[in-house]
Amino acid sequence: MAEETSATQADEVVCPHCKKTFRADLITGSAERYRGFKCPHCRLFVPAARIKD
């Protein structure tokens, strides 16, 4: 059970569209462009590559 909680770490993200901060788990996909976060405020998909810069 402890292994599951350590695998799900939420990241602090600032949405480039609405500029609001939120905590979210990384959405993984089959390709790099599908990895990212979904803003709960404006529903914009924010690619992980854009956050890491």
PDB file of N, CA and C in Angstrom:
ATOM      1  N   MET A   1       0.816  -1.192   0.000  1.00  0.00           N
ATOM      2  CA  MET A   1       0.000   0.000   0.000  1.00  0.00           C
ATOM      3  C   MET A   1       0.860   1.256   0.000  1.00  0.00           C
ATOM      4  N   ALA A   2       1.966   1.252   0.715  1.00  0.00           N
ATOM      5  CA  ALA A   2       2.863   2.407   0.742  1.00  0.00           C
ATOM      6  C   ALA A   2       3.492   2.647  -0.623  1.00  0.00           C
ATOM      7  N   GLU A   3       3.690   1.579  -1.385  1.00  0.00           N
ATOM      8  CA  GLU A   3       4.263   1.713  -2.718  1.00  0.00           C
ATOM      9  C   GLU A   3       3.334   2.476  -3.655  1.00  0.00           C
ATOM     10  N   GLU A   4       2.034   2.265  -3.515  1.00  0.00           N
ATOM     11  CA  GLU A   4       1.073   2.946  -4.373  1.00  0.00           C
ATOM     12  C   GLU A   4       1.062   4.446  -4.110  1.00  0.00           C
ATOM     13  N   THR A   5       1.127   4.859  -2.868  1.00  0.00           N
ATOM     14  CA  THR A   5       1.085   6.281  -2.560  1.00  0.00           C
ATOM     15  C   THR A   5       2.360   6.985  -2.986  1.00  0.00           C
ATOM     16  N   SER A   6       3.502   6.315  -2.938  1.00  0.00           N
ATOM     17  CA  SER A   6       4.741   6.942  -3.373  1.00  0.00           C
ATOM     18  C   SER A   6       4.783   7.096  -4.898  1.00  0.00           C
ATOM     19  N   ALA A   7       4.063   6.250  -5.618  1.00  0.00           N
ATOM     20  CA  ALA A   7       4.045   6.332  -7.077  1.00  0.00           C
ATOM     21  C   ALA A   7       3.147   7.459  -7.575  1.00  0.00           C
ATOM     22  N   THR A   8       2.186   7.878  -6.795  1.00  0.00           N
ATOM     23  CA  THR A   8       1.276   8.939  -7.207  1.00  0.00           C
ATOM     24  C   THR A   8       1.631  10.225  -6.484  1.00  0.00           C
ATOM     25  N   GLN A   9       2.523  10.991  -7.076  1.00  0.00           N
ATOM     26  CA  GLN A   9       2.918  12.269  -6.506  1.00  0.00           C
ATOM     27  C   GLN A   9       2.338  13.379  -7.364  1.00  0.00           C
ATOM     28  N   ALA A  10       1.627  14.289  -6.742  1.00  0.00           N
ATOM     29  CA  ALA A  10       1.060  15.418  -7.457  1.00  0.00           C
ATOM     30  C   ALA A  10       2.120  16.501  -7.607  1.00  0.00           C
ATOM     31  N   ASP A  11       2.129  17.146  -8.762  1.00  0.00           N
ATOM     32  CA  ASP A  11       3.060  18.230  -9.035  1.00  0.00           C
ATOM     33  C   ASP A  11       2.339  19.565  -8.943  1.00  0.00           C
ATOM     34  N   GLU A  12       3.072  20.593  -8.562  1.00  0.00           N
ATOM     35  CA  GLU A  12       2.535  21.953  -8.528  1.00  0.00           C
ATOM     36  C   GLU A  12       2.735  22.547  -9.919  1.00  0.00           C
ATOM     37  N   VAL A  13       1.646  22.983 -10.542  1.00  0.00           N
ATOM     38  CA  VAL A  13       1.670  23.456 -11.922  1.00  0.00           C
ATOM     39  C   VAL A  13       1.020  24.827 -11.993  1.00  0.00           C
ATOM     40  N   VAL A  14       1.583  25.710 -12.832  1.00  0.00           N
ATOM     41  CA  VAL A  14       0.962  26.997 -13.116  1.00  0.00           C
ATOM     42  C   VAL A  14       0.466  26.942 -14.556  1.00  0.00           C
ATOM     43  N   CYS A  15      -0.807  27.155 -14.736  1.00  0.00           N
ATOM     44  CA  CYS A  15      -1.415  27.087 -16.064  1.00  0.00           C
ATOM     45  C   CYS A  15      -0.948  28.290 -16.903  1.00  0.00           C
ATOM     46  N   PRO A  16      -0.432  28.056 -18.111  1.00  0.00           N
ATOM     47  CA  PRO A  16       0.002  29.173 -18.952  1.00  0.00           C
ATOM     48  C   PRO A  16      -1.165  29.992 -19.515  1.00  0.00           C
ATOM     49  N   HIS A  17      -2.357  29.448 -19.455  1.00  0.00           N
ATOM     50  CA  HIS A  17      -3.531  30.150 -19.984  1.00  0.00           C
ATOM     51  C   HIS A  17      -4.197  31.039 -18.944  1.00  0.00           C
ATOM     52  N   CYS A  18      -4.607  30.453 -17.818  1.00  0.00           N
ATOM     53  CA  CYS A  18      -5.335  31.229 -16.801  1.00  0.00           C
ATOM     54  C   CYS A  18      -4.444  31.702 -15.659  1.00  0.00           C
ATOM     55  N   LYS A  19      -3.174  31.258 -15.635  1.00  0.00           N
ATOM     56  CA  LYS A  19      -2.170  31.672 -14.646  1.00  0.00           C
ATOM     57  C   LYS A  19      -2.487  31.234 -13.223  1.00  0.00           C
ATOM     58  N   LYS A  20      -3.378  30.276 -13.055  1.00  0.00           N
ATOM     59  CA  LYS A  20      -3.713  29.770 -11.722  1.00  0.00           C
ATOM     60  C   LYS A  20      -2.853  28.560 -11.405  1.00  0.00           C
ATOM     61  N   THR A  21      -2.514  28.413 -10.132  1.00  0.00           N
ATOM     62  CA  THR A  21      -1.709  27.293  -9.667  1.00  0.00           C
ATOM     63  C   THR A  21      -2.630  26.166  -9.228  1.00  0.00           C
ATOM     64  N   PHE A  22      -2.223  24.938  -9.554  1.00  0.00           N
ATOM     65  CA  PHE A  22      -2.983  23.768  -9.131  1.00  0.00           C
ATOM     66  C   PHE A  22      -2.034  22.604  -8.928  1.00  0.00           C
ATOM     67  N   ARG A  23      -2.497  21.601  -8.187  1.00  0.00           N
ATOM     68  CA  ARG A  23      -1.730  20.368  -7.972  1.00  0.00           C
ATOM     69  C   ARG A  23      -2.423  19.264  -8.753  1.00  0.00           C
ATOM     70  N   ALA A  24      -1.638  18.525  -9.525  1.00  0.00           N
ATOM     71  CA  ALA A  24      -2.218  17.468 -10.342  1.00  0.00           C
ATOM     72  C   ALA A  24      -1.210  16.355 -10.554  1.00  0.00           C
ATOM     73  N   ASP A  25      -1.729  15.173 -10.823  1.00  0.00           N
ATOM     74  CA  ASP A  25      -0.893  14.037 -11.183  1.00  0.00           C
ATOM     75  C   ASP A  25      -0.611  14.104 -12.676  1.00  0.00           C
ATOM     76  N   LEU A  26       0.554  13.645 -13.058  1.00  0.00           N
ATOM     77  CA  LEU A  26       0.953  13.622 -14.455  1.00  0.00           C
ATOM     78  C   LEU A  26       0.090  12.632 -15.217  1.00  0.00           C
ATOM     79  N   ILE A  27      -0.460  13.061 -16.336  1.00  0.00           N
ATOM     80  CA  ILE A  27      -1.219  12.192 -17.223  1.00  0.00           C
ATOM     81  C   ILE A  27      -0.215  11.578 -18.186  1.00  0.00           C
ATOM     82  N   THR A  28      -0.116  10.267 -18.170  1.00  0.00           N
ATOM     83  CA  THR A  28       0.832   9.606 -19.063  1.00  0.00           C
ATOM     84  C   THR A  28       0.122   9.172 -20.326  1.00  0.00           C
ATOM     85  N   GLY A  29       0.850   9.167 -21.405  1.00  0.00           N
ATOM     86  CA  GLY A  29       0.277   8.758 -22.677  1.00  0.00           C
ATOM     87  C   GLY A  29       1.240   7.893 -23.448  1.00  0.00           C
ATOM     88  N   SER A  30       0.818   7.465 -24.605  1.00  0.00           N
ATOM     89  CA  SER A  30       1.647   6.577 -25.416  1.00  0.00           C
ATOM     90  C   SER A  30       2.812   7.317 -26.068  1.00  0.00           C
ATOM     91  N   ALA A  31       2.680   8.616 -26.255  1.00  0.00           N
ATOM     92  CA  ALA A  31       3.741   9.433 -26.846  1.00  0.00           C
ATOM     93  C   ALA A  31       4.066  10.592 -25.905  1.00  0.00           C
ATOM     94  N   GLU A  32       5.216  11.187 -26.106  1.00  0.00           N
ATOM     95  CA  GLU A  32       5.658  12.297 -25.245  1.00  0.00           C
ATOM     96  C   GLU A  32       4.673  13.468 -25.268  1.00  0.00           C
ATOM     97  N   ARG A  33       4.062  13.745 -26.408  1.00  0.00           N
ATOM     98  CA  ARG A  33       3.144  14.884 -26.506  1.00  0.00           C
ATOM     99  C   ARG A  33       1.845  14.682 -25.738  1.00  0.00           C
ATOM    100  N   TYR A  34       1.557  13.439 -25.336  1.00  0.00           N
ATOM    101  CA  TYR A  34       0.353  13.159 -24.565  1.00  0.00           C
ATOM    102  C   TYR A  34       0.606  13.173 -23.061  1.00  0.00           C
ATOM    103  N   ARG A  35       1.843  13.460 -22.633  1.00  0.00           N
ATOM    104  CA  ARG A  35       2.184  13.537 -21.212  1.00  0.00           C
ATOM    105  C   ARG A  35       1.987  14.973 -20.750  1.00  0.00           C
ATOM    106  N   GLY A  36       1.206  15.152 -19.680  1.00  0.00           N
ATOM    107  CA  GLY A  36       0.981  16.503 -19.198  1.00  0.00           C
ATOM    108  C   GLY A  36      -0.040  16.559 -18.089  1.00  0.00           C
ATOM    109  N   PHE A  37      -0.666  17.719 -17.970  1.00  0.00           N
ATOM    110  CA  PHE A  37      -1.613  17.994 -16.899  1.00  0.00           C
ATOM    111  C   PHE A  37      -2.861  18.654 -17.479  1.00  0.00           C
ATOM    112  N   LYS A  38      -3.978  18.462 -16.812  1.00  0.00           N
ATOM    113  CA  LYS A  38      -5.236  19.085 -17.222  1.00  0.00           C
ATOM    114  C   LYS A  38      -5.601  20.121 -16.171  1.00  0.00           C
ATOM    115  N   CYS A  39      -5.693  21.383 -16.557  1.00  0.00           N
ATOM    116  CA  CYS A  39      -6.024  22.457 -15.627  1.00  0.00           C
ATOM    117  C   CYS A  39      -7.476  22.302 -15.168  1.00  0.00           C
ATOM    118  N   PRO A  40      -7.718  22.260 -13.858  1.00  0.00           N
ATOM    119  CA  PRO A  40      -9.091  22.129 -13.370  1.00  0.00           C
ATOM    120  C   PRO A  40      -9.901  23.418 -13.484  1.00  0.00           C
ATOM    121  N   HIS A  41      -9.224  24.529 -13.738  1.00  0.00           N
ATOM    122  CA  HIS A  41      -9.903  25.823 -13.811  1.00  0.00           C
ATOM    123  C   HIS A  41     -10.412  26.120 -15.226  1.00  0.00           C
ATOM    124  N   CYS A  42      -9.521  26.043 -16.213  1.00  0.00           N
ATOM    125  CA  CYS A  42      -9.915  26.372 -17.586  1.00  0.00           C
ATOM    126  C   CYS A  42      -9.951  25.152 -18.503  1.00  0.00           C
ATOM    127  N   ARG A  43      -9.559  23.966 -17.979  1.00  0.00           N
ATOM    128  CA  ARG A  43      -9.592  22.683 -18.690  1.00  0.00           C
ATOM    129  C   ARG A  43      -8.570  22.588 -19.829  1.00  0.00           C
ATOM    130  N   LEU A  44      -7.574  23.456 -19.842  1.00  0.00           N
ATOM    131  CA  LEU A  44      -6.525  23.405 -20.846  1.00  0.00           C
ATOM    132  C   LEU A  44      -5.579  22.247 -20.554  1.00  0.00           C
ATOM    133  N   PHE A  45      -5.141  21.545 -21.586  1.00  0.00           N
ATOM    134  CA  PHE A  45      -4.117  20.516 -21.425  1.00  0.00           C
ATOM    135  C   PHE A  45      -2.765  21.202 -21.487  1.00  0.00           C
ATOM    136  N   VAL A  46      -1.958  21.007 -20.439  1.00  0.00           N
ATOM    137  CA  VAL A  46      -0.636  21.620 -20.350  1.00  0.00           C
ATOM    138  C   VAL A  46       0.393  20.507 -20.511  1.00  0.00           C
ATOM    139  N   PRO A  47       1.150  20.505 -21.609  1.00  0.00           N
ATOM    140  CA  PRO A  47       2.166  19.463 -21.812  1.00  0.00           C
ATOM    141  C   PRO A  47       3.235  19.508 -20.727  1.00  0.00           C
ATOM    142  N   ALA A  48       3.720  18.344 -20.316  1.00  0.00           N
ATOM    143  CA  ALA A  48       4.745  18.262 -19.271  1.00  0.00           C
ATOM    144  C   ALA A  48       6.030  18.950 -19.707  1.00  0.00           C
ATOM    145  N   ALA A  49       6.364  18.899 -20.974  1.00  0.00           N
ATOM    146  CA  ALA A  49       7.580  19.541 -21.479  1.00  0.00           C
ATOM    147  C   ALA A  49       7.528  21.055 -21.265  1.00  0.00           C
ATOM    148  N   ARG A  50       6.365  21.617 -21.291  1.00  0.00           N
ATOM    149  CA  ARG A  50       6.226  23.065 -21.095  1.00  0.00           C
ATOM    150  C   ARG A  50       6.396  23.458 -19.629  1.00  0.00           C
ATOM    151  N   ILE A  51       6.068  22.569 -18.724  1.00  0.00           N
ATOM    152  CA  ILE A  51       6.192  22.821 -17.285  1.00  0.00           C
ATOM    153  C   ILE A  51       7.632  22.675 -16.833  1.00  0.00           C
ATOM    154  N   LYS A  52       8.345  21.695 -17.339  1.00  0.00           N
ATOM    155  CA  LYS A  52       9.694  21.382 -16.884  1.00  0.00           C
ATOM    156  C   LYS A  52      10.720  22.454 -17.255  1.00  0.00           C
ATOM    157  N   ASP A  53      10.442  23.296 -18.237  1.00  0.00           N
ATOM    158  CA  ASP A  53      11.399  24.321 -18.678  1.00  0.00           C
ATOM    159  C   ASP A  53      11.632  25.339 -17.656  1.00  0.00           C
TER     160      ASP A  53
END
